[in-house]
PDB file of N, CA and C in Angstrom:
ATOM      1  N   UNK A   1       7.269 -17.795 -16.113  1.00  0.00           N
ATOM      2  CA  UNK A   1       7.244 -17.045 -14.875  1.00  0.00           C
ATOM      3  C   UNK A   1       5.800 -16.973 -14.372  1.00  0.00           C
ATOM      4  N   UNK A   2       5.639 -16.936 -13.071  1.00  0.00           N
ATOM      5  CA  UNK A   2       4.342 -16.881 -12.419  1.00  0.00           C
ATOM      6  C   UNK A   2       3.592 -15.599 -12.810  1.00  0.00           C
ATOM      7  N   UNK A   3       2.252 -15.709 -13.028  1.00  0.00           N
ATOM      8  CA  UNK A   3       1.448 -14.539 -13.394  1.00  0.00           C
ATOM      9  C   UNK A   3       1.459 -13.473 -12.302  1.00  0.00           C
ATOM     10  N   UNK A   4       1.479 -13.903 -11.050  1.00  0.00           N
ATOM     11  CA  UNK A   4       1.494 -12.948  -9.938  1.00  0.00           C
ATOM     12  C   UNK A   4       2.775 -12.115  -9.945  1.00  0.00           C
ATOM     13  N   UNK A   5       3.885 -12.783 -10.231  1.00  0.00           N
ATOM     14  CA  UNK A   5       5.163 -12.066 -10.278  1.00  0.00           C
ATOM     15  C   UNK A   5       5.164 -11.075 -11.440  1.00  0.00           C
ATOM     16  N   UNK A   6       4.625 -11.490 -12.579  1.00  0.00           N
ATOM     17  CA  UNK A   6       4.575 -10.590 -13.728  1.00  0.00           C
ATOM     18  C   UNK A   6       3.715  -9.358 -13.450  1.00  0.00           C
ATOM     19  N   UNK A   7       2.589  -9.558 -12.763  1.00  0.00           N
ATOM     20  CA  UNK A   7       1.734  -8.416 -12.410  1.00  0.00           C
ATOM     21  C   UNK A   7       2.466  -7.464 -11.469  1.00  0.00           C
ATOM     22  N   UNK A   8       3.153  -8.031 -10.495  1.00  0.00           N
ATOM     23  CA  UNK A   8       3.891  -7.207  -9.540  1.00  0.00           C
ATOM     24  C   UNK A   8       5.022  -6.445 -10.225  1.00  0.00           C
ATOM     25  N   UNK A   9       5.716  -7.094 -11.133  1.00  0.00           N
ATOM     26  CA  UNK A   9       6.776  -6.424 -11.891  1.00  0.00           C
ATOM     27  C   UNK A   9       6.205  -5.312 -12.768  1.00  0.00           C
ATOM     28  N   UNK A  10       5.024  -5.538 -13.338  1.00  0.00           N
ATOM     29  CA  UNK A  10       4.387  -4.507 -14.156  1.00  0.00           C
ATOM     30  C   UNK A  10       4.039  -3.281 -13.315  1.00  0.00           C
ATOM     31  N   UNK A  11       3.545  -3.497 -12.100  1.00  0.00           N
ATOM     32  CA  UNK A  11       3.223  -2.377 -11.213  1.00  0.00           C
ATOM     33  C   UNK A  11       4.497  -1.624 -10.835  1.00  0.00           C
ATOM     34  N   UNK A  12       5.554  -2.366 -10.515  1.00  0.00           N
ATOM     35  CA  UNK A  12       6.827  -1.734 -10.163  1.00  0.00           C
ATOM     36  C   UNK A  12       7.358  -0.915 -11.342  1.00  0.00           C
ATOM     37  N   UNK A  13       7.291  -1.464 -12.539  1.00  0.00           N
ATOM     38  CA  UNK A  13       7.750  -0.732 -13.730  1.00  0.00           C
ATOM     39  C   UNK A  13       6.904   0.517 -13.974  1.00  0.00           C
ATOM     40  N   UNK A  14       5.608   0.433 -13.714  1.00  0.00           N
ATOM     41  CA  UNK A  14       4.730   1.590 -13.889  1.00  0.00           C
ATOM     42  C   UNK A  14       5.098   2.709 -12.916  1.00  0.00           C
ATOM     43  N   UNK A  15       5.408   2.357 -11.675  1.00  0.00           N
ATOM     44  CA  UNK A  15       5.790   3.378 -10.694  1.00  0.00           C
ATOM     45  C   UNK A  15       7.134   3.999 -11.071  1.00  0.00           C
ATOM     46  N   UNK A  16       8.068   3.182 -11.546  1.00  0.00           N
ATOM     47  CA  UNK A  16       9.363   3.714 -11.979  1.00  0.00           C
ATOM     48  C   UNK A  16       9.176   4.627 -13.189  1.00  0.00           C
ATOM     49  N   UNK A  17       8.330   4.220 -14.125  1.00  0.00           N
ATOM     50  CA  UNK A  17       8.062   5.056 -15.299  1.00  0.00           C
ATOM     51  C   UNK A  17       7.419   6.381 -14.891  1.00  0.00           C
ATOM     52  N   UNK A  18       6.493   6.328 -13.937  1.00  0.00           N
ATOM     53  CA  UNK A  18       5.872   7.553 -13.433  1.00  0.00           C
ATOM     54  C   UNK A  18       6.920   8.467 -12.810  1.00  0.00           C
ATOM     55  N   UNK A  19       7.808   7.896 -11.999  1.00  0.00           N
ATOM     56  CA  UNK A  19       8.847   8.693 -11.357  1.00  0.00           C
ATOM     57  C   UNK A  19       9.777   9.325 -12.393  1.00  0.00           C
ATOM     58  N   UNK A  20      10.155   8.556 -13.405  1.00  0.00           N
ATOM     59  CA  UNK A  20      11.029   9.102 -14.450  1.00  0.00           C
ATOM     60  C   UNK A  20      10.329  10.185 -15.261  1.00  0.00           C
ATOM     61  N   UNK A  21       9.063   9.971 -15.599  1.00  0.00           N
ATOM     62  CA  UNK A  21       8.313  10.978 -16.355  1.00  0.00           C
ATOM     63  C   UNK A  21       8.119  12.252 -15.537  1.00  0.00           C
ATOM     64  N   UNK A  22       7.819  12.092 -14.257  1.00  0.00           N
ATOM     65  CA  UNK A  22       7.631  13.270 -13.401  1.00  0.00           C
ATOM     66  C   UNK A  22       8.944  14.025 -13.221  1.00  0.00           C
ATOM     67  N   UNK A  23      10.047  13.302 -13.110  1.00  0.00           N
ATOM     68  CA  UNK A  23      11.354  13.953 -12.990  1.00  0.00           C
ATOM     69  C   UNK A  23      11.698  14.699 -14.267  1.00  0.00           C
ATOM     70  N   UNK A  24      11.399  14.108 -15.418  1.00  0.00           N
ATOM     71  CA  UNK A  24      11.628  14.791 -16.691  1.00  0.00           C
ATOM     72  C   UNK A  24      10.771  16.051 -16.792  1.00  0.00           C
ATOM     73  N   UNK A  25       9.530  15.975 -16.317  1.00  0.00           N
ATOM     74  CA  UNK A  25       8.649  17.151 -16.333  1.00  0.00           C
ATOM     75  C   UNK A  25       9.177  18.234 -15.396  1.00  0.00           C
ATOM     76  N   UNK A  26       9.727  17.808 -14.255  1.00  0.00           N
ATOM     77  CA  UNK A  26      10.319  18.791 -13.340  1.00  0.00           C
ATOM     78  C   UNK A  26      11.540  19.449 -13.975  1.00  0.00           C
ATOM     79  N   UNK A  27      12.396  18.660 -14.616  1.00  0.00           N
ATOM     80  CA  UNK A  27      13.588  19.211 -15.261  1.00  0.00           C
ATOM     81  C   UNK A  27      13.231  20.142 -16.413  1.00  0.00           C
ATOM     82  N   UNK A  28      12.098  19.901 -17.042  1.00  0.00           N
ATOM     83  CA  UNK A  28      11.639  20.775 -18.121  1.00  0.00           C
ATOM     84  C   UNK A  28      10.931  22.018 -17.590  1.00  0.00           C
ATOM     85  N   UNK A  29      10.741  22.089 -16.280  1.00  0.00           N
ATOM     86  CA  UNK A  29      10.104  23.249 -15.677  1.00  0.00           C
ATOM     87  C   UNK A  29       8.589  23.205 -15.706  1.00  0.00           C
ATOM     88  N   UNK A  30       8.022  22.053 -15.971  1.00  0.00           N
ATOM     89  CA  UNK A  30       6.565  21.947 -16.052  1.00  0.00           C
ATOM     90  C   UNK A  30       5.902  21.768 -14.691  1.00  0.00           C
ATOM     91  N   UNK A  31       6.575  21.094 -13.777  1.00  0.00           N
ATOM     92  CA  UNK A  31       6.032  20.879 -12.424  1.00  0.00           C
ATOM     93  C   UNK A  31       7.140  21.124 -11.409  1.00  0.00           C
ATOM     94  N   UNK A  32       6.740  21.266 -10.152  1.00  0.00           N
ATOM     95  CA  UNK A  32       7.702  21.495  -9.072  1.00  0.00           C
ATOM     96  C   UNK A  32       8.163  20.168  -8.482  1.00  0.00           C
ATOM     97  N   UNK A  33       9.235  20.230  -7.715  1.00  0.00           N
ATOM     98  CA  UNK A  33       9.784  19.038  -7.081  1.00  0.00           C
ATOM     99  C   UNK A  33       8.826  18.386  -6.105  1.00  0.00           C
ATOM    100  N   UNK A  34       8.070  19.204  -5.367  1.00  0.00           N
ATOM    101  CA  UNK A  34       7.113  18.653  -4.414  1.00  0.00           C
ATOM    102  C   UNK A  34       6.019  17.857  -5.121  1.00  0.00           C
ATOM    103  N   UNK A  35       5.649  18.300  -6.303  1.00  0.00           N
ATOM    104  CA  UNK A  35       4.630  17.586  -7.077  1.00  0.00           C
ATOM    105  C   UNK A  35       5.126  16.207  -7.488  1.00  0.00           C
ATOM    106  N   UNK A  36       6.406  16.119  -7.833  1.00  0.00           N
ATOM    107  CA  UNK A  36       6.996  14.821  -8.177  1.00  0.00           C
ATOM    108  C   UNK A  36       6.895  13.878  -6.984  1.00  0.00           C
ATOM    109  N   UNK A  37       7.266  14.380  -5.817  1.00  0.00           N
ATOM    110  CA  UNK A  37       7.194  13.564  -4.601  1.00  0.00           C
ATOM    111  C   UNK A  37       5.769  13.114  -4.335  1.00  0.00           C
ATOM    112  N   UNK A  38       4.831  14.024  -4.441  1.00  0.00           N
ATOM    113  CA  UNK A  38       3.436  13.689  -4.164  1.00  0.00           C
ATOM    114  C   UNK A  38       2.885  12.671  -5.167  1.00  0.00           C
ATOM    115  N   UNK A  39       3.258  12.803  -6.430  1.00  0.00           N
ATOM    116  CA  UNK A  39       2.801  11.846  -7.442  1.00  0.00           C
ATOM    117  C   UNK A  39       3.317  10.440  -7.147  1.00  0.00           C
ATOM    118  N   UNK A  40       4.598  10.333  -6.880  1.00  0.00           N
ATOM    119  CA  UNK A  40       5.196   9.018  -6.651  1.00  0.00           C
ATOM    120  C   UNK A  40       4.677   8.404  -5.352  1.00  0.00           C
ATOM    121  N   UNK A  41       4.601   9.187  -4.293  1.00  0.00           N
ATOM    122  CA  UNK A  41       4.124   8.653  -3.018  1.00  0.00           C
ATOM    123  C   UNK A  41       2.638   8.288  -3.100  1.00  0.00           C
ATOM    124  N   UNK A  42       1.852   9.073  -3.820  1.00  0.00           N
ATOM    125  CA  UNK A  42       0.448   8.723  -4.032  1.00  0.00           C
ATOM    126  C   UNK A  42       0.313   7.424  -4.811  1.00  0.00           C
ATOM    127  N   UNK A  43       1.183   7.226  -5.793  1.00  0.00           N
ATOM    128  CA  UNK A  43       1.164   5.973  -6.561  1.00  0.00           C
ATOM    129  C   UNK A  43       1.534   4.787  -5.681  1.00  0.00           C
ATOM    130  N   UNK A  44       2.462   4.984  -4.765  1.00  0.00           N
ATOM    131  CA  UNK A  44       2.822   3.916  -3.831  1.00  0.00           C
ATOM    132  C   UNK A  44       1.633   3.573  -2.941  1.00  0.00           C
ATOM    133  N   UNK A  45       0.889   4.589  -2.496  1.00  0.00           N
ATOM    134  CA  UNK A  45      -0.314   4.337  -1.709  1.00  0.00           C
ATOM    135  C   UNK A  45      -1.348   3.542  -2.498  1.00  0.00           C
ATOM    136  N   UNK A  46      -1.518   3.880  -3.768  1.00  0.00           N
ATOM    137  CA  UNK A  46      -2.462   3.132  -4.607  1.00  0.00           C
ATOM    138  C   UNK A  46      -1.974   1.704  -4.860  1.00  0.00           C
ATOM    139  N   UNK A  47      -0.646   1.520  -4.889  1.00  0.00           N
ATOM    140  CA  UNK A  47      -0.109   0.170  -5.010  1.00  0.00           C
ATOM    141  C   UNK A  47      -0.453  -0.654  -3.767  1.00  0.00           C
ATOM    142  N   UNK A  48      -0.396  -0.027  -2.588  1.00  0.00           N
ATOM    143  CA  UNK A  48      -0.799  -0.722  -1.364  1.00  0.00           C
ATOM    144  C   UNK A  48      -2.271  -1.119  -1.435  1.00  0.00           C
ATOM    145  N   UNK A  49      -3.100  -0.245  -1.963  1.00  0.00           N
ATOM    146  CA  UNK A  49      -4.520  -0.558  -2.128  1.00  0.00           C
ATOM    147  C   UNK A  49      -4.681  -1.758  -3.065  1.00  0.00           C
ATOM    148  N   UNK A  50      -3.944  -1.767  -4.156  1.00  0.00           N
ATOM    149  CA  UNK A  50      -4.027  -2.855  -5.130  1.00  0.00           C
ATOM    150  C   UNK A  50      -3.606  -4.182  -4.508  1.00  0.00           C
ATOM    151  N   UNK A  51      -2.484  -4.171  -3.771  1.00  0.00           N
ATOM    152  CA  UNK A  51      -2.044  -5.407  -3.113  1.00  0.00           C
ATOM    153  C   UNK A  51      -3.033  -5.851  -2.039  1.00  0.00           C
ATOM    154  N   UNK A  52      -3.585  -4.894  -1.298  1.00  0.00           N
ATOM    155  CA  UNK A  52      -4.583  -5.232  -0.286  1.00  0.00           C
ATOM    156  C   UNK A  52      -5.816  -5.861  -0.896  1.00  0.00           C
ATOM    157  N   UNK A  53      -6.200  -5.389  -2.080  1.00  0.00           N
ATOM    158  CA  UNK A  53      -7.350  -5.957  -2.770  1.00  0.00           C
ATOM    159  C   UNK A  53      -7.054  -7.379  -3.263  1.00  0.00           C
ATOM    160  N   UNK A  54      -5.835  -7.643  -3.668  1.00  0.00           N
ATOM    161  CA  UNK A  54      -5.457  -8.962  -4.162  1.00  0.00           C
ATOM    162  C   UNK A  54      -5.199  -9.959  -3.041  1.00  0.00           C
ATOM    163  N   UNK A  55      -4.848  -9.480  -1.887  1.00  0.00           N
ATOM    164  CA  UNK A  55      -4.429 -10.341  -0.785  1.00  0.00           C
ATOM    165  C   UNK A  55      -5.431 -11.444  -0.435  1.00  0.00           C
ATOM    166  N   UNK A  56      -6.711 -11.146  -0.246  1.00  0.00           N
ATOM    167  CA  UNK A  56      -7.644 -12.216   0.125  1.00  0.00           C
ATOM    168  C   UNK A  56      -7.942 -13.193  -1.018  1.00  0.00           C
ATOM    169  N   UNK A  57      -7.536 -12.868  -2.212  1.00  0.00           N
ATOM    170  CA  UNK A  57      -7.848 -13.705  -3.358  1.00  0.00           C
ATOM    171  C   UNK A  57      -6.825 -14.813  -3.589  1.00  0.00           C
ATOM    172  N   UNK A  58      -5.732 -14.785  -2.839  1.00  0.00           N
ATOM    173  CA  UNK A  58      -4.748 -15.853  -2.967  1.00  0.00           C
ATOM    174  C   UNK A  58      -5.182 -17.031  -2.103  1.00  0.00           C
ATOM    175  N   UNK A  59      -4.811 -18.220  -2.504  1.00  0.00           N
ATOM    176  CA  UNK A  59      -5.274 -19.426  -1.818  1.00  0.00           C
ATOM    177  C   UNK A  59      -4.427 -19.712  -0.579  1.00  0.00           C
ATOM    178  N   UNK A  60      -5.132 -19.957   0.529  1.00  0.00           N
ATOM    179  CA  UNK A  60      -4.518 -20.418   1.775  1.00  0.00           C
ATOM    180  C   UNK A  60      -5.399 -21.551   2.292  1.00  0.00           C
ATOM    181  N   UNK A  61      -4.827 -22.716   2.620  1.00  0.00           N
ATOM    182  CA  UNK A  61      -5.654 -23.868   2.983  1.00  0.00           C
ATOM    183  C   UNK A  61      -6.364 -23.760   4.334  1.00  0.00           C
ATOM    184  N   UNK A  62      -5.799 -23.069   5.300  1.00  0.00           N
ATOM    185  CA  UNK A  62      -6.386 -23.037   6.644  1.00  0.00           C
ATOM    186  C   UNK A  62      -7.452 -21.944   6.759  1.00  0.00           C
ATOM    187  N   UNK A  63      -8.552 -22.257   7.437  1.00  0.00           N
ATOM    188  CA  UNK A  63      -9.667 -21.311   7.578  1.00  0.00           C
ATOM    189  C   UNK A  63      -9.257 -20.064   8.368  1.00  0.00           C
ATOM    190  N   UNK A  64      -8.512 -20.260   9.456  1.00  0.00           N
ATOM    191  CA  UNK A  64      -8.082 -19.103  10.261  1.00  0.00           C
ATOM    192  C   UNK A  64      -7.136 -18.207   9.472  1.00  0.00           C
ATOM    193  N   UNK A  65      -6.292 -18.813   8.672  1.00  0.00           N
ATOM    194  CA  UNK A  65      -5.375 -18.027   7.843  1.00  0.00           C
ATOM    195  C   UNK A  65      -6.152 -17.202   6.825  1.00  0.00           C
ATOM    196  N   UNK A  66      -7.238 -17.768   6.284  1.00  0.00           N
ATOM    197  CA  UNK A  66      -8.074 -17.011   5.352  1.00  0.00           C
ATOM    198  C   UNK A  66      -8.738 -15.831   6.050  1.00  0.00           C
ATOM    199  N   UNK A  67      -9.143 -16.015   7.321  1.00  0.00           N
ATOM    200  CA  UNK A  67      -9.721 -14.899   8.075  1.00  0.00           C
ATOM    201  C   UNK A  67      -8.702 -13.777   8.241  1.00  0.00           C
ATOM    202  N   UNK A  68      -7.485 -14.139   8.613  1.00  0.00           N
ATOM    203  CA  UNK A  68      -6.440 -13.130   8.784  1.00  0.00           C
ATOM    204  C   UNK A  68      -6.129 -12.469   7.446  1.00  0.00           C
ATOM    205  N   UNK A  69      -6.135 -13.261   6.388  1.00  0.00           N
ATOM    206  CA  UNK A  69      -5.864 -12.726   5.066  1.00  0.00           C
ATOM    207  C   UNK A  69      -6.934 -11.713   4.646  1.00  0.00           C
ATOM    208  N   UNK A  70      -8.200 -12.003   4.900  1.00  0.00           N
ATOM    209  CA  UNK A  70      -9.271 -11.060   4.580  1.00  0.00           C
ATOM    210  C   UNK A  70      -9.132  -9.786   5.398  1.00  0.00           C
ATOM    211  N   UNK A  71      -8.882  -9.942   6.706  1.00  0.00           N
ATOM    212  CA  UNK A  71      -8.706  -8.770   7.563  1.00  0.00           C
ATOM    213  C   UNK A  71      -7.495  -7.961   7.110  1.00  0.00           C
ATOM    214  N   UNK A  72      -6.412  -8.649   6.808  1.00  0.00           N
ATOM    215  CA  UNK A  72      -5.203  -7.960   6.352  1.00  0.00           C
ATOM    216  C   UNK A  72      -5.415  -7.242   5.036  1.00  0.00           C
ATOM    217  N   UNK A  73      -6.210  -7.824   4.154  1.00  0.00           N
ATOM    218  CA  UNK A  73      -6.521  -7.161   2.888  1.00  0.00           C
ATOM    219  C   UNK A  73      -7.272  -5.861   3.107  1.00  0.00           C
ATOM    220  N   UNK A  74      -8.303  -5.909   3.949  1.00  0.00           N
ATOM    221  CA  UNK A  74      -9.047  -4.686   4.273  1.00  0.00           C
ATOM    222  C   UNK A  74      -8.144  -3.664   4.941  1.00  0.00           C
ATOM    223  N   UNK A  75      -7.326  -4.146   5.853  1.00  0.00           N
ATOM    224  CA  UNK A  75      -6.423  -3.252   6.568  1.00  0.00           C
ATOM    225  C   UNK A  75      -5.457  -2.563   5.612  1.00  0.00           C
ATOM    226  N   UNK A  76      -4.926  -3.326   4.662  1.00  0.00           N
ATOM    227  CA  UNK A  76      -3.980  -2.744   3.712  1.00  0.00           C
ATOM    228  C   UNK A  76      -4.672  -1.783   2.759  1.00  0.00           C
ATOM    229  N   UNK A  77      -5.882  -2.110   2.334  1.00  0.00           N
ATOM    230  CA  UNK A  77      -6.626  -1.205   1.459  1.00  0.00           C
ATOM    231  C   UNK A  77      -6.885   0.121   2.168  1.00  0.00           C
ATOM    232  N   UNK A  78      -7.359   0.052   3.403  1.00  0.00           N
ATOM    233  CA  UNK A  78      -7.660   1.292   4.134  1.00  0.00           C
ATOM    234  C   UNK A  78      -6.416   2.107   4.431  1.00  0.00           C
ATOM    235  N   UNK A  79      -5.330   1.426   4.839  1.00  0.00           N
ATOM    236  CA  UNK A  79      -4.111   2.181   5.130  1.00  0.00           C
ATOM    237  C   UNK A  79      -3.502   2.740   3.842  1.00  0.00           C
ATOM    238  N   UNK A  80      -3.625   2.014   2.722  1.00  0.00           N
ATOM    239  CA  UNK A  80      -3.140   2.539   1.445  1.00  0.00           C
ATOM    240  C   UNK A  80      -3.941   3.742   0.981  1.00  0.00           C
ATOM    241  N   UNK A  81      -5.260   3.714   1.187  1.00  0.00           N
ATOM    242  CA  UNK A  81      -6.086   4.872   0.842  1.00  0.00           C
ATOM    243  C   UNK A  81      -5.728   6.083   1.707  1.00  0.00           C
ATOM    244  N   UNK A  82      -5.512   5.838   2.995  1.00  0.00           N
ATOM    245  CA  UNK A  82      -5.107   6.933   3.880  1.00  0.00           C
ATOM    246  C   UNK A  82      -3.757   7.494   3.452  1.00  0.00           C
ATOM    247  N   UNK A  83      -2.817   6.615   3.130  1.00  0.00           N
ATOM    248  CA  UNK A  83      -1.483   7.019   2.695  1.00  0.00           C
ATOM    249  C   UNK A  83      -1.567   7.865   1.418  1.00  0.00           C
ATOM    250  N   UNK A  84      -2.289   7.364   0.421  1.00  0.00           N
ATOM    251  CA  UNK A  84      -2.415   8.099  -0.837  1.00  0.00           C
ATOM    252  C   UNK A  84      -3.145   9.424  -0.637  1.00  0.00           C
ATOM    253  N   UNK A  85      -4.191   9.405   0.163  1.00  0.00           N
ATOM    254  CA  UNK A  85      -4.944  10.630   0.421  1.00  0.00           C
ATOM    255  C   UNK A  85      -4.127  11.686   1.134  1.00  0.00           C
ATOM    256  N   UNK A  86      -3.345  11.244   2.118  1.00  0.00           N
ATOM    257  CA  UNK A  86      -2.505  12.202   2.828  1.00  0.00           C
ATOM    258  C   UNK A  86      -1.447  12.795   1.906  1.00  0.00           C
ATOM    259  N   UNK A  87      -0.831  11.968   1.070  1.00  0.00           N
ATOM    260  CA  UNK A  87       0.187  12.485   0.157  1.00  0.00           C
ATOM    261  C   UNK A  87      -0.416  13.359  -0.934  1.00  0.00           C
ATOM    262  N   UNK A  88      -1.702  13.215  -1.179  1.00  0.00           N
ATOM    263  CA  UNK A  88      -2.347  14.047  -2.192  1.00  0.00           C
ATOM    264  C   UNK A  88      -2.750  15.411  -1.626  1.00  0.00           C
ATOM    265  N   UNK A  89      -3.274  15.433  -0.385  1.00  0.00           N
ATOM    266  CA  UNK A  89      -3.885  16.656   0.115  1.00  0.00           C
ATOM    267  C   UNK A  89      -3.195  17.309   1.310  1.00  0.00           C
ATOM    268  N   UNK A  90      -2.478  16.571   2.129  1.00  0.00           N
ATOM    269  CA  UNK A  90      -1.918  17.130   3.368  1.00  0.00           C
ATOM    270  C   UNK A  90      -0.568  17.796   3.109  1.00  0.00           C
ATOM    271  N   UNK A  91      -0.142  18.673   4.012  1.00  0.00           N
ATOM    272  CA  UNK A  91       1.224  19.192   3.920  1.00  0.00           C
ATOM    273  C   UNK A  91       2.231  18.040   3.998  1.00  0.00           C
ATOM    274  N   UNK A  92       3.395  18.237   3.399  1.00  0.00           N
ATOM    275  CA  UNK A  92       4.367  17.149   3.263  1.00  0.00           C
ATOM    276  C   UNK A  92       4.748  16.551   4.615  1.00  0.00           C
ATOM    277  N   UNK A  93       4.997  17.368   5.613  1.00  0.00           N
ATOM    278  CA  UNK A  93       5.392  16.830   6.924  1.00  0.00           C
ATOM    279  C   UNK A  93       4.265  15.987   7.532  1.00  0.00           C
ATOM    280  N   UNK A  94       3.025  16.455   7.397  1.00  0.00           N
ATOM    281  CA  UNK A  94       1.895  15.691   7.917  1.00  0.00           C
ATOM    282  C   UNK A  94       1.661  14.432   7.080  1.00  0.00           C
ATOM    283  N   UNK A  95       1.883  14.517   5.782  1.00  0.00           N
ATOM    284  CA  UNK A  95       1.711  13.356   4.908  1.00  0.00           C
ATOM    285  C   UNK A  95       2.724  12.279   5.258  1.00  0.00           C
ATOM    286  N   UNK A  96       3.955  12.696   5.520  1.00  0.00           N
ATOM    287  CA  UNK A  96       4.989  11.728   5.873  1.00  0.00           C
ATOM    288  C   UNK A  96       4.648  11.027   7.188  1.00  0.00           C
ATOM    289  N   UNK A  97       4.361  11.814   8.204  1.00  0.00           N
ATOM    290  CA  UNK A  97       4.065  11.250   9.520  1.00  0.00           C
ATOM    291  C   UNK A  97       2.764  10.447   9.507  1.00  0.00           C
ATOM    292  N   UNK A  98       1.708  11.033   8.985  1.00  0.00           N
ATOM    293  CA  UNK A  98       0.412  10.362   8.968  1.00  0.00           C
ATOM    294  C   UNK A  98       0.389   9.148   8.056  1.00  0.00           C
ATOM    295  N   UNK A  99       1.061   9.238   6.911  1.00  0.00           N
ATOM    296  CA  UNK A  99       1.108   8.109   5.990  1.00  0.00           C
ATOM    297  C   UNK A  99       1.834   6.921   6.586  1.00  0.00           C
ATOM    298  N   UNK A 100       2.986   7.200   7.196  1.00  0.00           N
ATOM    299  CA  UNK A 100       3.728   6.108   7.856  1.00  0.00           C
ATOM    300  C   UNK A 100       2.910   5.526   9.002  1.00  0.00           C
ATOM    301  N   UNK A 101       2.254   6.384   9.766  1.00  0.00           N
ATOM    302  CA  UNK A 101       1.440   5.912  10.885  1.00  0.00           C
ATOM    303  C   UNK A 101       0.277   5.048  10.392  1.00  0.00           C
ATOM    304  N   UNK A 102      -0.325   5.424   9.277  1.00  0.00           N
ATOM    305  CA  UNK A 102      -1.447   4.641   8.727  1.00  0.00           C
ATOM    306  C   UNK A 102      -0.992   3.247   8.315  1.00  0.00           C
ATOM    307  N   UNK A 103       0.154   3.166   7.658  1.00  0.00           N
ATOM    308  CA  UNK A 103       0.652   1.855   7.216  1.00  0.00           C
ATOM    309  C   UNK A 103       1.056   1.001   8.410  1.00  0.00           C
ATOM    310  N   UNK A 104       1.747   1.597   9.370  1.00  0.00           N
ATOM    311  CA  UNK A 104       2.150   0.852  10.570  1.00  0.00           C
ATOM    312  C   UNK A 104       0.924   0.402  11.354  1.00  0.00           C
ATOM    313  N   UNK A 105      -0.092   1.254  11.448  1.00  0.00           N
ATOM    314  CA  UNK A 105      -1.318   0.874  12.155  1.00  0.00           C
ATOM    315  C   UNK A 105      -2.022  -0.283  11.446  1.00  0.00           C
ATOM    316  N   UNK A 106      -2.030  -0.278  10.116  1.00  0.00           N
ATOM    317  CA  UNK A 106      -2.632  -1.381   9.371  1.00  0.00           C
ATOM    318  C   UNK A 106      -1.902  -2.694   9.601  1.00  0.00           C
ATOM    319  N   UNK A 107      -0.580  -2.628   9.610  1.00  0.00           N
ATOM    320  CA  UNK A 107       0.208  -3.836   9.870  1.00  0.00           C
ATOM    321  C   UNK A 107      -0.018  -4.320  11.295  1.00  0.00           C
ATOM    322  N   UNK A 108       0.008  -3.392  12.247  1.00  0.00           N
ATOM    323  CA  UNK A 108      -0.189  -3.759  13.650  1.00  0.00           C
ATOM    324  C   UNK A 108      -1.575  -4.352  13.880  1.00  0.00           C
ATOM    325  N   UNK A 109      -2.596  -3.782  13.258  1.00  0.00           N
ATOM    326  CA  UNK A 109      -3.956  -4.315  13.408  1.00  0.00           C
ATOM    327  C   UNK A 109      -4.043  -5.738  12.881  1.00  0.00           C
ATOM    328  N   UNK A 110      -3.390  -6.002  11.760  1.00  0.00           N
ATOM    329  CA  UNK A 110      -3.408  -7.350  11.187  1.00  0.00           C
ATOM    330  C   UNK A 110      -2.683  -8.340  12.086  1.00  0.00           C
ATOM    331  N   UNK A 111      -1.536  -7.938  12.596  1.00  0.00           N
ATOM    332  CA  UNK A 111      -0.776  -8.826  13.492  1.00  0.00           C
ATOM    333  C   UNK A 111      -1.575  -9.111  14.762  1.00  0.00           C
ATOM    334  N   UNK A 112      -2.158  -8.080  15.346  1.00  0.00           N
ATOM    335  CA  UNK A 112      -2.939  -8.270  16.567  1.00  0.00           C
ATOM    336  C   UNK A 112      -4.174  -9.130  16.308  1.00  0.00           C
ATOM    337  N   UNK A 113      -4.817  -8.956  15.173  1.00  0.00           N
ATOM    338  CA  UNK A 113      -5.965  -9.784  14.821  1.00  0.00           C
ATOM    339  C   UNK A 113      -5.542 -11.247  14.690  1.00  0.00           C
ATOM    340  N   UNK A 114      -4.428 -11.475  14.016  1.00  0.00           N
ATOM    341  CA  UNK A 114      -3.929 -12.843  13.863  1.00  0.00           C
ATOM    342  C   UNK A 114      -3.566 -13.474  15.190  1.00  0.00           C
ATOM    343  N   UNK A 115      -2.926 -12.713  16.062  1.00  0.00           N
ATOM    344  CA  UNK A 115      -2.584 -13.244  17.387  1.00  0.00           C
ATOM    345  C   UNK A 115      -3.843 -13.534  18.206  1.00  0.00           C
ATOM    346  N   UNK A 116      -4.849 -12.672  18.067  1.00  0.00           N
ATOM    347  CA  UNK A 116      -6.109 -12.909  18.777  1.00  0.00           C
ATOM    348  C   UNK A 116      -6.797 -14.178  18.308  1.00  0.00           C
ATOM    349  N   UNK A 117      -6.803 -14.423  16.996  1.00  0.00           N
ATOM    350  CA  UNK A 117      -7.378 -15.663  16.481  1.00  0.00           C
ATOM    351  C   UNK A 117      -6.573 -16.874  16.940  1.00  0.00           C
ATOM    352  N   UNK A 118      -5.268 -16.702  17.023  1.00  0.00           N
ATOM    353  CA  UNK A 118      -4.427 -17.807  17.474  1.00  0.00           C
ATOM    354  C   UNK A 118      -4.734 -18.170  18.922  1.00  0.00           C
ATOM    355  N   UNK A 119      -4.960 -17.152  19.763  1.00  0.00           N
ATOM    356  CA  UNK A 119      -5.299 -17.406  21.159  1.00  0.00           C
ATOM    357  C   UNK A 119      -6.658 -18.090  21.262  1.00  0.00           C
ATOM    358  N   UNK A 120      -7.621 -17.682  20.450  1.00  0.00           N
ATOM    359  CA  UNK A 120      -8.946 -18.323  20.481  1.00  0.00           C
ATOM    360  C   UNK A 120      -8.849 -19.791  20.082  1.00  0.00           C
ATOM    361  N   UNK A 121      -7.990 -20.075  19.120  1.00  0.00           N
ATOM    362  CA  UNK A 121      -7.819 -21.449  18.653  1.00  0.00           C
ATOM    363  C   UNK A 121      -7.138 -22.297  19.721  1.00  0.00           C
ATOM    364  N   UNK A 122      -6.142 -21.735  20.407  1.00  0.00           N
ATOM    365  CA  UNK A 122      -5.409 -22.464  21.436  1.00  0.00           C
ATOM    366  C   UNK A 122      -6.256 -22.729  22.673  1.00  0.00           C
ATOM    367  N   UNK A 123      -7.208 -21.852  22.945  1.00  0.00           N
ATOM    368  CA  UNK A 123      -8.014 -21.988  24.169  1.00  0.00           C
ATOM    369  C   UNK A 123      -9.075 -23.049  24.059  1.00  0.00           C
TER     370      UNK A 123
END
């Protein structure tokens, strides 16, 4: 199996293990339900940061594609940090809205950057 797939599966298993451990702690009365949500959502934000960091390191033959990949990596890292930070410190309603907005803004910025490079190349 590909090393990249194994790394991704390991991250997914770690998040599932965290969710199960946090749920067990909640059932034992050690933490509250909101804490479980914040832990898991914060871990998802850190996973976005990890993928964003790995994104520019994968091989793409075209120079423009590498530019978009670098921009997309930065965009994903920043939106993942915002997502994790909001789920760690903000009220739940603000974390949900702001976290989703941060991820959507990161995706939109990457798409718009790629389209802008495509227009420059076509012109």
